[in-house]
Amino acid sequence: MLLMEVHIESETLQFVLHVCRSTYPNEFAGFLREEKGVITEILLAPGTLFGRGGSVVNTWMLPIDSSICGTVHSHPSPNVAPSDIDLRFFSVYGKYHAIVGFPYTEKSIQFYDRQGNRVDYKVV
């Protein structure tokens, strides 16, 4: 299925950008939750480690939750292209994946589908 556009609440997007700025220069990682087709929350798995070279997420600590629709993580540079590791992670967890690059603004976030294809987003 081709994803045309991801919808995310403004408050949720601002939270993501704030957390990315707060953890810089370390990488932030979390999970996206959606309600009625709109990303409304970010879920942080207990025990997640945010590091300069990447984040370690204890996925076994995630709740059984059908509202998890994907992932979000930051890059400490402006490069928002997914790495090979990102692409492997995308293929396992959900349908939407966001990468936020420095300086962590609305212009430095990119959404992808499970295969790593760019997907437009709309703030609602």
PDB file of N, CA and C in Angstrom:
ATOM      1  N   MET A   1       0.834  -1.182   0.000  1.00  0.00           N
ATOM      2  CA  MET A   1       0.000   0.000   0.000  1.00  0.00           C
ATOM      3  C   MET A   1       0.881   1.248   0.000  1.00  0.00           C
ATOM      4  N   LEU A   2       0.624   2.178  -0.896  1.00  0.00           N
ATOM      5  CA  LEU A   2       1.367   3.419  -0.989  1.00  0.00           C
ATOM      6  C   LEU A   2       0.794   4.419   0.002  1.00  0.00           C
ATOM      7  N   LEU A   3       1.641   4.928   0.883  1.00  0.00           N
ATOM      8  CA  LEU A   3       1.205   5.934   1.840  1.00  0.00           C
ATOM      9  C   LEU A   3       1.339   7.302   1.194  1.00  0.00           C
ATOM     10  N   MET A   4       0.266   8.053   1.170  1.00  0.00           N
ATOM     11  CA  MET A   4       0.280   9.364   0.533  1.00  0.00           C
ATOM     12  C   MET A   4       0.724  10.459   1.494  1.00  0.00           C
ATOM     13  N   GLU A   5       0.273  10.376   2.741  1.00  0.00           N
ATOM     14  CA  GLU A   5       0.556  11.450   3.684  1.00  0.00           C
ATOM     15  C   GLU A   5       0.342  10.952   5.106  1.00  0.00           C
ATOM     16  N   VAL A   6       1.243  11.321   5.992  1.00  0.00           N
ATOM     17  CA  VAL A   6       1.135  11.023   7.410  1.00  0.00           C
ATOM     18  C   VAL A   6       0.544  12.257   8.084  1.00  0.00           C
ATOM     19  N   HIS A   7      -0.369  12.044   9.014  1.00  0.00           N
ATOM     20  CA  HIS A   7      -0.940  13.153   9.783  1.00  0.00           C
ATOM     21  C   HIS A   7      -0.431  13.063  11.215  1.00  0.00           C
ATOM     22  N   ILE A   8       0.031  14.195  11.739  1.00  0.00           N
ATOM     23  CA  ILE A   8       0.547  14.253  13.105  1.00  0.00           C
ATOM     24  C   ILE A   8      -0.002  15.501  13.786  1.00  0.00           C
ATOM     25  N   GLU A   9      -0.414  15.341  15.041  1.00  0.00           N
ATOM     26  CA  GLU A   9      -0.903  16.487  15.806  1.00  0.00           C
ATOM     27  C   GLU A   9       0.236  17.467  16.050  1.00  0.00           C
ATOM     28  N   SER A  10      -0.077  18.740  16.034  1.00  0.00           N
ATOM     29  CA  SER A  10       0.915  19.788  16.254  1.00  0.00           C
ATOM     30  C   SER A  10       1.617  19.616  17.601  1.00  0.00           C
ATOM     31  N   GLU A  11       0.849  19.353  18.647  1.00  0.00           N
ATOM     32  CA  GLU A  11       1.424  19.189  19.985  1.00  0.00           C
ATOM     33  C   GLU A  11       2.394  18.004  20.030  1.00  0.00           C
ATOM     34  N   THR A  12       2.053  16.938  19.355  1.00  0.00           N
ATOM     35  CA  THR A  12       2.920  15.757  19.312  1.00  0.00           C
ATOM     36  C   THR A  12       4.207  16.068  18.568  1.00  0.00           C
ATOM     37  N   LEU A  13       4.102  16.754  17.444  1.00  0.00           N
ATOM     38  CA  LEU A  13       5.296  17.136  16.686  1.00  0.00           C
ATOM     39  C   LEU A  13       6.186  18.051  17.514  1.00  0.00           C
ATOM     40  N   GLN A  14       5.606  19.021  18.198  1.00  0.00           N
ATOM     41  CA  GLN A  14       6.404  19.937  19.020  1.00  0.00           C
ATOM     42  C   GLN A  14       7.096  19.184  20.158  1.00  0.00           C
ATOM     43  N   PHE A  15       6.416  18.182  20.722  1.00  0.00           N
ATOM     44  CA  PHE A  15       7.036  17.353  21.757  1.00  0.00           C
ATOM     45  C   PHE A  15       8.252  16.619  21.197  1.00  0.00           C
ATOM     46  N   VAL A  16       8.101  16.020  20.016  1.00  0.00           N
ATOM     47  CA  VAL A  16       9.214  15.302  19.377  1.00  0.00           C
ATOM     48  C   VAL A  16      10.397  16.240  19.172  1.00  0.00           C
ATOM     49  N   LEU A  17      10.148  17.408  18.625  1.00  0.00           N
ATOM     50  CA  LEU A  17      11.229  18.363  18.363  1.00  0.00           C
ATOM     51  C   LEU A  17      11.907  18.790  19.660  1.00  0.00           C
ATOM     52  N   HIS A  18      11.125  19.013  20.706  1.00  0.00           N
ATOM     53  CA  HIS A  18      11.679  19.398  22.008  1.00  0.00           C
ATOM     54  C   HIS A  18      12.573  18.288  22.578  1.00  0.00           C
ATOM     55  N   VAL A  19      12.096  17.057  22.522  1.00  0.00           N
ATOM     56  CA  VAL A  19      12.882  15.937  23.057  1.00  0.00           C
ATOM     57  C   VAL A  19      14.176  15.764  22.256  1.00  0.00           C
ATOM     58  N   CYS A  20      14.100  15.911  20.944  1.00  0.00           N
ATOM     59  CA  CYS A  20      15.308  15.795  20.114  1.00  0.00           C
ATOM     60  C   CYS A  20      16.332  16.861  20.497  1.00  0.00           C
ATOM     61  N   ARG A  21      15.879  18.092  20.688  1.00  0.00           N
ATOM     62  CA  ARG A  21      16.791  19.174  21.090  1.00  0.00           C
ATOM     63  C   ARG A  21      17.351  18.912  22.484  1.00  0.00           C
ATOM     64  N   SER A  22      16.527  18.377  23.371  1.00  0.00           N
ATOM     65  CA  SER A  22      16.944  18.133  24.755  1.00  0.00           C
ATOM     66  C   SER A  22      17.963  17.010  24.879  1.00  0.00           C
ATOM     67  N   THR A  23      17.892  16.020  24.009  1.00  0.00           N
ATOM     68  CA  THR A  23      18.828  14.891  24.095  1.00  0.00           C
ATOM     69  C   THR A  23      20.089  15.106  23.263  1.00  0.00           C
ATOM     70  N   TYR A  24      20.095  16.113  22.381  1.00  0.00           N
ATOM     71  CA  TYR A  24      21.263  16.410  21.541  1.00  0.00           C
ATOM     72  C   TYR A  24      22.491  16.637  22.415  1.00  0.00           C
ATOM     73  N   PRO A  25      23.657  16.074  22.108  1.00  0.00           N
ATOM     74  CA  PRO A  25      24.039  15.423  20.854  1.00  0.00           C
ATOM     75  C   PRO A  25      23.723  13.931  20.797  1.00  0.00           C
ATOM     76  N   ASN A  26      23.034  13.422  21.814  1.00  0.00           N
ATOM     77  CA  ASN A  26      22.645  12.015  21.773  1.00  0.00           C
ATOM     78  C   ASN A  26      21.433  11.833  20.870  1.00  0.00           C
ATOM     79  N   GLU A  27      21.287  10.614  20.381  1.00  0.00           N
ATOM     80  CA  GLU A  27      20.147  10.274  19.539  1.00  0.00           C
ATOM     81  C   GLU A  27      18.959   9.925  20.421  1.00  0.00           C
ATOM     82  N   PHE A  28      17.790  10.401  20.034  1.00  0.00           N
ATOM     83  CA  PHE A  28      16.532  10.076  20.701  1.00  0.00           C
ATOM     84  C   PHE A  28      15.808   9.007  19.889  1.00  0.00           C
ATOM     85  N   ALA A  29      15.079   8.118  20.557  1.00  0.00           N
ATOM     86  CA  ALA A  29      14.272   7.118  19.847  1.00  0.00           C
ATOM     87  C   ALA A  29      12.993   6.839  20.627  1.00  0.00           C
ATOM     88  N   GLY A  30      11.905   6.708  19.895  1.00  0.00           N
ATOM     89  CA  GLY A  30      10.620   6.400  20.504  1.00  0.00           C
ATOM     90  C   GLY A  30       9.696   5.759  19.485  1.00  0.00           C
ATOM     91  N   PHE A  31       8.483   5.498  19.908  1.00  0.00           N
ATOM     92  CA  PHE A  31       7.485   4.862  19.053  1.00  0.00           C
ATOM     93  C   PHE A  31       6.304   5.799  18.864  1.00  0.00           C
ATOM     94  N   LEU A  32       5.726   5.750  17.678  1.00  0.00           N
ATOM     95  CA  LEU A  32       4.587   6.589  17.330  1.00  0.00           C
ATOM     96  C   LEU A  32       3.293   5.848  17.632  1.00  0.00           C
ATOM     97  N   ARG A  33       2.335   6.565  18.214  1.00  0.00           N
ATOM     98  CA  ARG A  33       0.996   6.015  18.432  1.00  0.00           C
ATOM     99  C   ARG A  33       0.013   6.831  17.609  1.00  0.00           C
ATOM    100  N   GLU A  34      -0.941   6.132  17.000  1.00  0.00           N
ATOM    101  CA  GLU A  34      -1.945   6.853  16.221  1.00  0.00           C
ATOM    102  C   GLU A  34      -3.345   6.534  16.714  1.00  0.00           C
ATOM    103  N   GLU A  35      -4.211   7.507  16.496  1.00  0.00           N
ATOM    104  CA  GLU A  35      -5.619   7.367  16.832  1.00  0.00           C
ATOM    105  C   GLU A  35      -6.409   7.928  15.656  1.00  0.00           C
ATOM    106  N   LYS A  36      -7.239   7.099  15.048  1.00  0.00           N
ATOM    107  CA  LYS A  36      -8.054   7.498  13.897  1.00  0.00           C
ATOM    108  C   LYS A  36      -7.214   8.113  12.777  1.00  0.00           C
ATOM    109  N   GLY A  37      -6.061   7.492  12.500  1.00  0.00           N
ATOM    110  CA  GLY A  37      -5.229   7.921  11.387  1.00  0.00           C
ATOM    111  C   GLY A  37      -4.344   9.119  11.647  1.00  0.00           C
ATOM    112  N   VAL A  38      -4.273   9.570  12.900  1.00  0.00           N
ATOM    113  CA  VAL A  38      -3.452  10.729  13.255  1.00  0.00           C
ATOM    114  C   VAL A  38      -2.472  10.320  14.354  1.00  0.00           C
ATOM    115  N   ILE A  39      -1.194  10.655  14.179  1.00  0.00           N
ATOM    116  CA  ILE A  39      -0.200  10.389  15.223  1.00  0.00           C
ATOM    117  C   ILE A  39      -0.465  11.364  16.360  1.00  0.00           C
ATOM    118  N   THR A  40      -0.733  10.801  17.536  1.00  0.00           N
ATOM    119  CA  THR A  40      -1.152  11.618  18.674  1.00  0.00           C
ATOM    120  C   THR A  40      -0.226  11.525  19.876  1.00  0.00           C
ATOM    121  N   GLU A  41       0.621  10.504  19.929  1.00  0.00           N
ATOM    122  CA  GLU A  41       1.477  10.307  21.101  1.00  0.00           C
ATOM    123  C   GLU A  41       2.802   9.681  20.705  1.00  0.00           C
ATOM    124  N   ILE A  42       3.770   9.869  21.598  1.00  0.00           N
ATOM    125  CA  ILE A  42       5.068   9.216  21.483  1.00  0.00           C
ATOM    126  C   ILE A  42       5.210   8.299  22.690  1.00  0.00           C
ATOM    127  N   LEU A  43       5.575   7.070  22.449  1.00  0.00           N
ATOM    128  CA  LEU A  43       5.767   6.084  23.504  1.00  0.00           C
ATOM    129  C   LEU A  43       7.260   5.861  23.688  1.00  0.00           C
ATOM    130  N   LEU A  44       7.714   5.969  24.924  1.00  0.00           N
ATOM    131  CA  LEU A  44       9.113   5.699  25.245  1.00  0.00           C
ATOM    132  C   LEU A  44       9.179   4.354  25.953  1.00  0.00           C
ATOM    133  N   ALA A  45       9.967   3.444  25.413  1.00  0.00           N
ATOM    134  CA  ALA A  45      10.115   2.126  26.028  1.00  0.00           C
ATOM    135  C   ALA A  45      11.000   2.250  27.264  1.00  0.00           C
ATOM    136  N   PRO A  46      10.586   1.671  28.392  1.00  0.00           N
ATOM    137  CA  PRO A  46      11.427   1.708  29.585  1.00  0.00           C
ATOM    138  C   PRO A  46      12.809   1.120  29.297  1.00  0.00           C
ATOM    139  N   GLY A  47      13.820   1.744  29.854  1.00  0.00           N
ATOM    140  CA  GLY A  47      15.182   1.248  29.694  1.00  0.00           C
ATOM    141  C   GLY A  47      15.869   1.666  28.413  1.00  0.00           C
ATOM    142  N   THR A  48      15.237   2.509  27.598  1.00  0.00           N
ATOM    143  CA  THR A  48      15.869   2.972  26.358  1.00  0.00           C
ATOM    144  C   THR A  48      17.079   3.825  26.696  1.00  0.00           C
ATOM    145  N   LEU A  49      18.180   3.582  25.993  1.00  0.00           N
ATOM    146  CA  LEU A  49      19.413   4.350  26.178  1.00  0.00           C
ATOM    147  C   LEU A  49      19.622   5.246  24.971  1.00  0.00           C
ATOM    148  N   PHE A  50      19.843   6.528  25.220  1.00  0.00           N
ATOM    149  CA  PHE A  50      20.103   7.488  24.157  1.00  0.00           C
ATOM    150  C   PHE A  50      21.602   7.753  24.126  1.00  0.00           C
ATOM    151  N   GLY A  51      22.245   7.457  22.986  1.00  0.00           N
ATOM    152  CA  GLY A  51      23.689   7.624  22.881  1.00  0.00           C
ATOM    153  C   GLY A  51      24.097   8.428  21.668  1.00  0.00           C
ATOM    154  N   ARG A  52      25.367   8.791  21.609  1.00  0.00           N
ATOM    155  CA  ARG A  52      25.882   9.583  20.488  1.00  0.00           C
ATOM    156  C   ARG A  52      25.909   8.793  19.191  1.00  0.00           C
ATOM    157  N   GLY A  53      26.124   7.500  19.283  1.00  0.00           N
ATOM    158  CA  GLY A  53      26.188   6.680  18.081  1.00  0.00           C
ATOM    159  C   GLY A  53      24.882   5.995  17.739  1.00  0.00           C
ATOM    160  N   GLY A  54      23.871   6.191  18.553  1.00  0.00           N
ATOM    161  CA  GLY A  54      22.584   5.551  18.327  1.00  0.00           C
ATOM    162  C   GLY A  54      21.865   5.341  19.641  1.00  0.00           C
ATOM    163  N   SER A  55      20.694   4.793  19.555  1.00  0.00           N
ATOM    164  CA  SER A  55      19.901   4.486  20.744  1.00  0.00           C
ATOM    165  C   SER A  55      19.716   2.983  20.844  1.00  0.00           C
ATOM    166  N   VAL A  56      19.575   2.517  22.069  1.00  0.00           N
ATOM    167  CA  VAL A  56      19.293   1.111  22.318  1.00  0.00           C
ATOM    168  C   VAL A  56      17.897   1.044  22.917  1.00  0.00           C
ATOM    169  N   VAL A  57      16.999   0.373  22.204  1.00  0.00           N
ATOM    170  CA  VAL A  57      15.605   0.282  22.624  1.00  0.00           C
ATOM    171  C   VAL A  57      15.311  -1.150  23.045  1.00  0.00           C
ATOM    172  N   ASN A  58      14.817  -1.296  24.260  1.00  0.00           N
ATOM    173  CA  ASN A  58      14.412  -2.615  24.753  1.00  0.00           C
ATOM    174  C   ASN A  58      12.984  -2.881  24.279  1.00  0.00           C
ATOM    175  N   THR A  59      12.853  -3.412  23.076  1.00  0.00           N
ATOM    176  CA  THR A  59      11.520  -3.603  22.499  1.00  0.00           C
ATOM    177  C   THR A  59      10.684  -4.609  23.290  1.00  0.00           C
ATOM    178  N   TRP A  60      11.326  -5.485  24.025  1.00  0.00           N
ATOM    179  CA  TRP A  60      10.581  -6.442  24.834  1.00  0.00           C
ATOM    180  C   TRP A  60       9.861  -5.743  25.987  1.00  0.00           C
ATOM    181  N   MET A  61      10.211  -4.470  26.249  1.00  0.00           N
ATOM    182  CA  MET A  61       9.547  -3.694  27.300  1.00  0.00           C
ATOM    183  C   MET A  61       8.309  -2.951  26.783  1.00  0.00           C
ATOM    184  N   LEU A  62       8.056  -3.026  25.473  1.00  0.00           N
ATOM    185  CA  LEU A  62       6.886  -2.353  24.912  1.00  0.00           C
ATOM    186  C   LEU A  62       5.606  -3.077  25.315  1.00  0.00           C
ATOM    187  N   PRO A  63       4.548  -2.322  25.561  1.00  0.00           N
ATOM    188  CA  PRO A  63       3.268  -2.971  25.842  1.00  0.00           C
ATOM    189  C   PRO A  63       2.693  -3.579  24.565  1.00  0.00           C
ATOM    190  N   ILE A  64       1.807  -4.528  24.725  1.00  0.00           N
ATOM    191  CA  ILE A  64       1.059  -5.033  23.576  1.00  0.00           C
ATOM    192  C   ILE A  64       0.050  -3.939  23.259  1.00  0.00           C
ATOM    193  N   ASP A  65       0.252  -3.265  22.130  1.00  0.00           N
ATOM    194  CA  ASP A  65      -0.484  -2.027  21.869  1.00  0.00           C
ATOM    195  C   ASP A  65      -0.703  -1.868  20.371  1.00  0.00           C
ATOM    196  N   SER A  66      -1.932  -2.030  19.935  1.00  0.00           N
ATOM    197  CA  SER A  66      -2.225  -1.948  18.503  1.00  0.00           C
ATOM    198  C   SER A  66      -2.188  -0.515  17.968  1.00  0.00           C
ATOM    199  N   SER A  67      -2.060   0.482  18.851  1.00  0.00           N
ATOM    200  CA  SER A  67      -1.995   1.867  18.374  1.00  0.00           C
ATOM    201  C   SER A  67      -0.580   2.281  17.968  1.00  0.00           C
ATOM    202  N   ILE A  68       0.424   1.430  18.239  1.00  0.00           N
ATOM    203  CA  ILE A  68       1.790   1.737  17.805  1.00  0.00           C
ATOM    204  C   ILE A  68       1.839   1.592  16.290  1.00  0.00           C
ATOM    205  N   CYS A  69       2.180   2.681  15.620  1.00  0.00           N
ATOM    206  CA  CYS A  69       2.145   2.684  14.153  1.00  0.00           C
ATOM    207  C   CYS A  69       3.514   2.903  13.526  1.00  0.00           C
ATOM    208  N   GLY A  70       4.562   3.048  14.348  1.00  0.00           N
ATOM    209  CA  GLY A  70       5.886   3.263  13.776  1.00  0.00           C
ATOM    210  C   GLY A  70       6.865   3.800  14.798  1.00  0.00           C
ATOM    211  N   THR A  71       7.938   4.391  14.291  1.00  0.00           N
ATOM    212  CA  THR A  71       9.030   4.847  15.144  1.00  0.00           C
ATOM    213  C   THR A  71       9.422   6.277  14.804  1.00  0.00           C
ATOM    214  N   VAL A  72      10.140   6.882  15.723  1.00  0.00           N
ATOM    215  CA  VAL A  72      10.742   8.197  15.498  1.00  0.00           C
ATOM    216  C   VAL A  72      12.111   8.183  16.157  1.00  0.00           C
ATOM    217  N   HIS A  73      13.089   8.749  15.479  1.00  0.00           N
ATOM    218  CA  HIS A  73      14.390   8.925  16.109  1.00  0.00           C
ATOM    219  C   HIS A  73      15.097  10.124  15.498  1.00  0.00           C
ATOM    220  N   SER A  74      16.104  10.596  16.216  1.00  0.00           N
ATOM    221  CA  SER A  74      16.834  11.770  15.754  1.00  0.00           C
ATOM    222  C   SER A  74      18.210  11.377  15.242  1.00  0.00           C
ATOM    223  N   HIS A  75      18.733  12.224  14.390  1.00  0.00           N
ATOM    224  CA  HIS A  75      20.122  12.152  13.947  1.00  0.00           C
ATOM    225  C   HIS A  75      20.799  13.436  14.431  1.00  0.00           C
ATOM    226  N   PRO A  76      22.031  13.352  14.943  1.00  0.00           N
ATOM    227  CA  PRO A  76      22.707  14.554  15.447  1.00  0.00           C
ATOM    228  C   PRO A  76      23.280  15.437  14.336  1.00  0.00           C
ATOM    229  N   SER A  77      22.926  15.157  13.105  1.00  0.00           N
ATOM    230  CA  SER A  77      23.357  15.961  11.958  1.00  0.00           C
ATOM    231  C   SER A  77      22.112  16.311  11.143  1.00  0.00           C
ATOM    232  N   PRO A  78      22.240  17.180  10.149  1.00  0.00           N
ATOM    233  CA  PRO A  78      21.083  17.507   9.307  1.00  0.00           C
ATOM    234  C   PRO A  78      20.643  16.367   8.380  1.00  0.00           C
ATOM    235  N   ASN A  79      21.421  15.308   8.276  1.00  0.00           N
ATOM    236  CA  ASN A  79      21.122  14.186   7.383  1.00  0.00           C
ATOM    237  C   ASN A  79      19.962  13.357   7.941  1.00  0.00           C
ATOM    238  N   VAL A  80      18.853  13.356   7.208  1.00  0.00           N
ATOM    239  CA  VAL A  80      17.689  12.578   7.654  1.00  0.00           C
ATOM    240  C   VAL A  80      17.471  11.331   6.805  1.00  0.00           C
ATOM    241  N   ALA A  81      18.464  10.960   6.019  1.00  0.00           N
ATOM    242  CA  ALA A  81      18.362   9.737   5.218  1.00  0.00           C
ATOM    243  C   ALA A  81      18.506   8.524   6.138  1.00  0.00           C
ATOM    244  N   PRO A  82      17.681   7.496   5.936  1.00  0.00           N
ATOM    245  CA  PRO A  82      17.787   6.308   6.787  1.00  0.00           C
ATOM    246  C   PRO A  82      19.033   5.488   6.461  1.00  0.00           C
ATOM    247  N   SER A  83      19.686   5.012   7.511  1.00  0.00           N
ATOM    248  CA  SER A  83      20.830   4.115   7.349  1.00  0.00           C
ATOM    249  C   SER A  83      20.315   2.700   7.089  1.00  0.00           C
ATOM    250  N   ASP A  84      21.215   1.776   6.796  1.00  0.00           N
ATOM    251  CA  ASP A  84      20.824   0.376   6.628  1.00  0.00           C
ATOM    252  C   ASP A  84      20.196  -0.170   7.913  1.00  0.00           C
ATOM    253  N   ILE A  85      20.743   0.230   9.058  1.00  0.00           N
ATOM    254  CA  ILE A  85      20.185  -0.208  10.344  1.00  0.00           C
ATOM    255  C   ILE A  85      18.783   0.361  10.522  1.00  0.00           C
ATOM    256  N   ASP A  86      18.600   1.642  10.164  1.00  0.00           N
ATOM    257  CA  ASP A  86      17.265   2.248  10.235  1.00  0.00           C
ATOM    258  C   ASP A  86      16.278   1.462   9.382  1.00  0.00           C
ATOM    259  N   LEU A  87      16.670   1.126   8.175  1.00  0.00           N
ATOM    260  CA  LEU A  87      15.774   0.406   7.262  1.00  0.00           C
ATOM    261  C   LEU A  87      15.383  -0.958   7.813  1.00  0.00           C
ATOM    262  N   ARG A  88      16.320  -1.645   8.459  1.00  0.00           N
ATOM    263  CA  ARG A  88      15.988  -2.940   9.072  1.00  0.00           C
ATOM    264  C   ARG A  88      14.979  -2.742  10.205  1.00  0.00           C
ATOM    265  N   PHE A  89      15.174  -1.697  10.992  1.00  0.00           N
ATOM    266  CA  PHE A  89      14.262  -1.396  12.095  1.00  0.00           C
ATOM    267  C   PHE A  89      12.886  -1.006  11.555  1.00  0.00           C
ATOM    268  N   PHE A  90      12.850  -0.206  10.485  1.00  0.00           N
ATOM    269  CA  PHE A  90      11.581   0.200   9.864  1.00  0.00           C
ATOM    270  C   PHE A  90      10.751  -1.015   9.471  1.00  0.00           C
ATOM    271  N   SER A  91      11.421  -2.037   8.943  1.00  0.00           N
ATOM    272  CA  SER A  91      10.701  -3.190   8.406  1.00  0.00           C
ATOM    273  C   SER A  91      10.020  -4.019   9.490  1.00  0.00           C
ATOM    274  N   VAL A  92      10.375  -3.775  10.746  1.00  0.00           N
ATOM    275  CA  VAL A  92       9.840  -4.568  11.849  1.00  0.00           C
ATOM    276  C   VAL A  92       8.723  -3.852  12.605  1.00  0.00           C
ATOM    277  N   TYR A  93       8.830  -2.533  12.756  1.00  0.00           N
ATOM    278  CA  TYR A  93       7.931  -1.806  13.653  1.00  0.00           C
ATOM    279  C   TYR A  93       7.078  -0.776  12.940  1.00  0.00           C
ATOM    280  N   GLY A  94       5.905  -1.165  12.501  1.00  0.00           N
ATOM    281  CA  GLY A  94       4.915  -0.222  12.020  1.00  0.00           C
ATOM    282  C   GLY A  94       5.067   0.228  10.587  1.00  0.00           C
ATOM    283  N   LYS A  95       4.212   1.181  10.220  1.00  0.00           N
ATOM    284  CA  LYS A  95       4.138   1.630   8.833  1.00  0.00           C
ATOM    285  C   LYS A  95       4.719   3.008   8.601  1.00  0.00           C
ATOM    286  N   TYR A  96       4.852   3.835   9.634  1.00  0.00           N
ATOM    287  CA  TYR A  96       5.418   5.180   9.505  1.00  0.00           C
ATOM    288  C   TYR A  96       6.692   5.273  10.326  1.00  0.00           C
ATOM    289  N   HIS A  97       7.668   5.981   9.804  1.00  0.00           N
ATOM    290  CA  HIS A  97       8.921   6.151  10.539  1.00  0.00           C
ATOM    291  C   HIS A  97       9.431   7.553  10.284  1.00  0.00           C
ATOM    292  N   ALA A  98       9.770   8.246  11.350  1.00  0.00           N
ATOM    293  CA  ALA A  98      10.246   9.622  11.227  1.00  0.00           C
ATOM    294  C   ALA A  98      11.697   9.706  11.670  1.00  0.00           C
ATOM    295  N   ILE A  99      12.474  10.455  10.907  1.00  0.00           N
ATOM    296  CA  ILE A  99      13.837  10.798  11.300  1.00  0.00           C
ATOM    297  C   ILE A  99      13.886  12.317  11.392  1.00  0.00           C
ATOM    298  N   VAL A 100      14.400  12.809  12.509  1.00  0.00           N
ATOM    299  CA  VAL A 100      14.507  14.246  12.740  1.00  0.00           C
ATOM    300  C   VAL A 100      15.984  14.604  12.784  1.00  0.00           C
ATOM    301  N   GLY A 101      16.403  15.514  11.923  1.00  0.00           N
ATOM    302  CA  GLY A 101      17.800  15.936  11.873  1.00  0.00           C
ATOM    303  C   GLY A 101      18.007  17.271  12.568  1.00  0.00           C
ATOM    304  N   PHE A 102      19.245  17.508  12.962  1.00  0.00           N
ATOM    305  CA  PHE A 102      19.614  18.792  13.550  1.00  0.00           C
ATOM    306  C   PHE A 102      19.318  19.890  12.537  1.00  0.00           C
ATOM    307  N   PRO A 103      18.727  20.991  12.878  1.00  0.00           N
ATOM    308  CA  PRO A 103      18.526  21.607  14.196  1.00  0.00           C
ATOM    309  C   PRO A 103      17.170  21.307  14.841  1.00  0.00           C
ATOM    310  N   TYR A 104      16.496  20.258  14.408  1.00  0.00           N
ATOM    311  CA  TYR A 104      15.260  19.782  15.028  1.00  0.00           C
ATOM    312  C   TYR A 104      14.121  20.808  14.938  1.00  0.00           C
ATOM    313  N   THR A 105      13.766  21.120  13.708  1.00  0.00           N
ATOM    314  CA  THR A 105      12.643  22.004  13.414  1.00  0.00           C
ATOM    315  C   THR A 105      11.667  21.240  12.518  1.00  0.00           C
ATOM    316  N   GLU A 106      10.522  21.844  12.238  1.00  0.00           N
ATOM    317  CA  GLU A 106       9.546  21.199  11.354  1.00  0.00           C
ATOM    318  C   GLU A 106      10.115  20.961   9.962  1.00  0.00           C
ATOM    319  N   LYS A 107      11.120  21.730   9.588  1.00  0.00           N
ATOM    320  CA  LYS A 107      11.741  21.560   8.271  1.00  0.00           C
ATOM    321  C   LYS A 107      12.815  20.477   8.269  1.00  0.00           C
ATOM    322  N   SER A 108      13.152  19.944   9.446  1.00  0.00           N
ATOM    323  CA  SER A 108      14.215  18.935   9.508  1.00  0.00           C
ATOM    324  C   SER A 108      13.696  17.559   9.920  1.00  0.00           C
ATOM    325  N   ILE A 109      12.428  17.300   9.628  1.00  0.00           N
ATOM    326  CA  ILE A 109      11.846  15.982   9.901  1.00  0.00           C
ATOM    327  C   ILE A 109      11.391  15.374   8.578  1.00  0.00           C
ATOM    328  N   GLN A 110      11.622  14.068   8.450  1.00  0.00           N
ATOM    329  CA  GLN A 110      11.176  13.366   7.248  1.00  0.00           C
ATOM    330  C   GLN A 110      10.542  12.051   7.668  1.00  0.00           C
ATOM    331  N   PHE A 111       9.391  11.759   7.097  1.00  0.00           N
ATOM    332  CA  PHE A 111       8.720  10.484   7.325  1.00  0.00           C
ATOM    333  C   PHE A 111       9.033   9.534   6.179  1.00  0.00           C
ATOM    334  N   TYR A 112       9.046   8.239   6.518  1.00  0.00           N
ATOM    335  CA  TYR A 112       9.313   7.172   5.558  1.00  0.00           C
ATOM    336  C   TYR A 112       8.308   6.048   5.777  1.00  0.00           C
ATOM    337  N   ASP A 113       8.132   5.228   4.746  1.00  0.00           N
ATOM    338  CA  ASP A 113       7.344   4.012   4.909  1.00  0.00           C
ATOM    339  C   ASP A 113       8.287   2.882   5.322  1.00  0.00           C
ATOM    340  N   ARG A 114       7.756   1.683   5.432  1.00  0.00           N
ATOM    341  CA  ARG A 114       8.553   0.525   5.880  1.00  0.00           C
ATOM    342  C   ARG A 114       9.737   0.213   4.973  1.00  0.00           C
ATOM    343  N   GLN A 115       9.631   0.572   3.706  1.00  0.00           N
ATOM    344  CA  GLN A 115      10.704   0.292   2.749  1.00  0.00           C
ATOM    345  C   GLN A 115      11.717   1.435   2.653  1.00  0.00           C
ATOM    346  N   GLY A 116      11.481   2.530   3.360  1.00  0.00           N
ATOM    347  CA  GLY A 116      12.396   3.660   3.322  1.00  0.00           C
ATOM    348  C   GLY A 116      12.070   4.695   2.264  1.00  0.00           C
ATOM    349  N   ASN A 117      10.867   4.617   1.692  1.00  0.00           N
ATOM    350  CA  ASN A 117      10.423   5.629   0.730  1.00  0.00           C
ATOM    351  C   ASN A 117       9.887   6.842   1.486  1.00  0.00           C
ATOM    352  N   ARG A 118      10.232   8.030   0.999  1.00  0.00           N
ATOM    353  CA  ARG A 118       9.755   9.262   1.633  1.00  0.00           C
ATOM    354  C   ARG A 118       8.234   9.357   1.565  1.00  0.00           C
ATOM    355  N   VAL A 119       7.661   9.870   2.653  1.00  0.00           N
ATOM    356  CA  VAL A 119       6.221  10.083   2.746  1.00  0.00           C
ATOM    357  C   VAL A 119       6.009  11.511   3.252  1.00  0.00           C
ATOM    358  N   ASP A 120       5.129  12.250   2.603  1.00  0.00           N
ATOM    359  CA  ASP A 120       4.805  13.605   3.053  1.00  0.00           C
ATOM    360  C   ASP A 120       4.069  13.545   4.381  1.00  0.00           C
ATOM    361  N   TYR A 121       4.136  14.663   5.114  1.00  0.00           N
ATOM    362  CA  TYR A 121       3.372  14.724   6.358  1.00  0.00           C
ATOM    363  C   TYR A 121       2.624  16.040   6.445  1.00  0.00           C
ATOM    364  N   LYS A 122       1.576  16.009   7.252  1.00  0.00           N
ATOM    365  CA  LYS A 122       0.747  17.191   7.464  1.00  0.00           C
ATOM    366  C   LYS A 122       0.506  17.338   8.960  1.00  0.00           C
ATOM    367  N   VAL A 123       0.700  18.543   9.465  1.00  0.00           N
ATOM    368  CA  VAL A 123       0.421  18.836  10.867  1.00  0.00           C
ATOM    369  C   VAL A 123      -1.061  19.181  10.983  1.00  0.00           C
ATOM    370  N   VAL A 124      -1.743  18.493  11.893  1.00  0.00           N
ATOM    371  CA  VAL A 124      -3.185  18.727  12.063  1.00  0.00           C
ATOM    372  C   VAL A 124      -3.503  19.152  13.489  1.00  0.00           C
TER     373      VAL A 124
END
